[in-house]
Amino acid sequence: MRRLVVVELGAGRALPTARRFGERHGPRVVRINLRESRIAPEHGIGIAAGAKDSLRKIDEVMRA
């Protein structure tokens, strides 16, 4: 793998182990969470939306 990315789907502050894993072990994180998408820029990007719609849009962009 050349460009590994951790994609979090709906892991809020109630699941800190999932959030910390991505921040510690992933070179970049895409955090998709409707209410808690905030992430430090050095760790990745946050998308404040639902998982299903976000994944569909990401797929569309990658196929274009």
Protein backbone atom coordinates (compact mmCIF):
# COMPACT_ATOMS: atom_id res chain seq x y z
CA MET A 1 0.00 0.00 0.00
CA ARG A 2 1.32 3.38 -0.93
CA ARG A 3 -1.39 5.67 0.43
CA LEU A 4 -3.03 4.06 3.43
CA VAL A 5 -6.00 5.93 4.93
CA VAL A 6 -8.09 5.10 7.99
CA VAL A 7 -11.80 5.81 7.41
CA GLU A 8 -13.87 6.23 10.57
CA LEU A 9 -17.62 5.90 10.20
CA GLY A 10 -19.67 7.38 13.03
CA ALA A 11 -17.09 6.89 15.78
CA GLY A 12 -17.93 9.66 18.21
CA ARG A 13 -16.40 10.60 21.52
CA ALA A 14 -18.37 7.78 23.12
CA LEU A 15 -16.00 5.37 21.29
CA PRO A 16 -12.61 6.94 22.05
CA THR A 17 -10.67 3.75 21.27
CA ALA A 18 -11.80 3.82 17.63
CA ARG A 19 -10.93 7.51 17.29
CA ARG A 20 -7.54 7.16 18.98
CA PHE A 21 -6.60 4.13 16.88
CA GLY A 22 -6.91 6.08 13.64
CA GLU A 23 -5.06 9.09 15.00
CA ARG A 24 -2.19 6.98 16.35
CA HIS A 25 -1.81 4.34 13.62
CA GLY A 26 -3.12 5.87 10.45
CA PRO A 27 -0.99 8.17 8.39
CA ARG A 28 -4.22 10.02 7.50
CA VAL A 29 -7.77 9.75 8.82
CA VAL A 30 -11.06 10.54 7.12
CA ARG A 31 -13.51 11.00 9.97
CA ILE A 32 -17.14 10.78 8.79
CA ASN A 33 -19.54 11.71 11.55
CA LEU A 34 -22.71 13.74 11.39
CA ARG A 35 -22.19 15.45 14.76
CA GLU A 36 -18.55 14.86 15.78
CA SER A 37 -16.39 15.12 12.68
CA ARG A 38 -13.73 17.46 14.08
CA ILE A 39 -10.14 16.23 13.81
CA ALA A 40 -6.79 17.98 13.99
CA PRO A 41 -5.51 18.85 10.48
CA GLU A 42 -2.25 16.98 11.05
CA HIS A 43 -4.24 13.77 11.52
CA GLY A 44 -6.75 14.05 8.71
CA ILE A 45 -10.02 15.57 7.60
CA GLY A 46 -13.53 15.51 9.00
CA ILE A 47 -16.72 15.23 7.00
CA ALA A 48 -19.87 16.35 8.82
CA ALA A 49 -22.34 14.08 7.02
CA GLY A 50 -23.81 10.60 7.09
CA ALA A 51 -21.58 7.64 6.29
CA LYS A 52 -23.59 6.15 3.42
CA ASP A 53 -23.91 9.38 1.43
CA SER A 54 -20.30 10.36 2.12
CA LEU A 55 -18.93 7.02 0.93
CA ARG A 56 -21.02 7.22 -2.25
CA LYS A 57 -19.71 10.71 -3.01
CA ILE A 58 -16.10 9.69 -2.32
CA ASP A 59 -16.56 6.73 -4.68
CA GLU A 60 -17.97 9.00 -7.40
CA VAL A 61 -15.03 11.38 -7.13
CA MET A 62 -12.46 8.57 -7.18
CA ARG A 63 -14.03 7.04 -10.29
CA ALA A 64 -14.09 10.37 -12.16
